Amino acid sequence: MFDKNGSIQTISVEKLTPDIINDDTLFNFSAARYPGAEVVDLR
């Protein structure tokens, strides 16, 4: 992976598990769980 400043990083994937069924709540951010966090909606 190349950074904006030209640095190169290598990412190593040690385990990949395909076809995992996740609950939709995994991808939802709940501001109530993180009091004091600033939420910026860039939609």
Protein backbone atom coordinates (compact mmCIF):
# COMPACT_ATOMS: atom_id res chain seq x y z
CA MET A 1 0.00 0.00 0.00
CA PHE A 2 1.33 3.45 -0.89
CA ASP A 3 0.81 6.39 1.47
CA LYS A 4 0.17 9.96 0.35
CA ASN A 5 3.75 10.87 1.29
CA GLY A 6 5.23 8.08 -0.84
CA SER A 7 5.88 5.57 1.95
CA ILE A 8 5.19 1.92 1.25
CA GLN A 9 3.40 -0.31 3.76
CA THR A 10 2.90 -4.05 3.55
CA ILE A 11 -0.27 -5.61 4.93
CA SER A 12 -0.14 -9.30 5.74
CA VAL A 13 -3.41 -11.27 5.94
CA GLU A 14 -2.94 -14.35 8.08
CA LYS A 15 -6.49 -15.70 8.03
CA LEU A 16 -9.43 -15.06 5.73
CA THR A 17 -12.82 -16.58 6.48
CA PRO A 18 -15.25 -16.21 3.57
CA ASP A 19 -19.06 -16.27 3.74
CA ILE A 20 -19.42 -15.12 7.36
CA ILE A 21 -22.91 -13.86 8.14
CA ASN A 22 -22.75 -10.69 10.24
CA ASP A 23 -25.57 -8.81 11.89
CA ASP A 24 -26.34 -5.40 10.28
CA THR A 25 -25.70 -3.69 13.62
CA LEU A 26 -22.00 -4.41 13.14
CA PHE A 27 -21.91 -1.62 10.54
CA ASN A 28 -24.01 0.95 12.45
CA PHE A 29 -22.38 3.57 14.67
CA SER A 30 -24.19 4.24 17.93
CA ALA A 31 -23.27 7.66 19.36
CA ALA A 32 -24.90 6.64 22.66
CA ARG A 33 -22.13 4.07 23.19
CA TYR A 34 -19.45 6.77 22.88
CA PRO A 35 -20.49 9.76 25.00
CA GLY A 36 -18.48 12.89 24.28
CA ALA A 37 -17.53 11.76 20.77
CA GLU A 38 -18.00 14.30 18.00
CA VAL A 39 -20.10 12.90 15.16
CA VAL A 40 -19.49 14.46 11.74
CA ASP A 41 -22.00 13.35 9.09
CA LEU A 42 -20.42 13.88 5.66
CA ARG A 43 -23.32 12.63 3.58
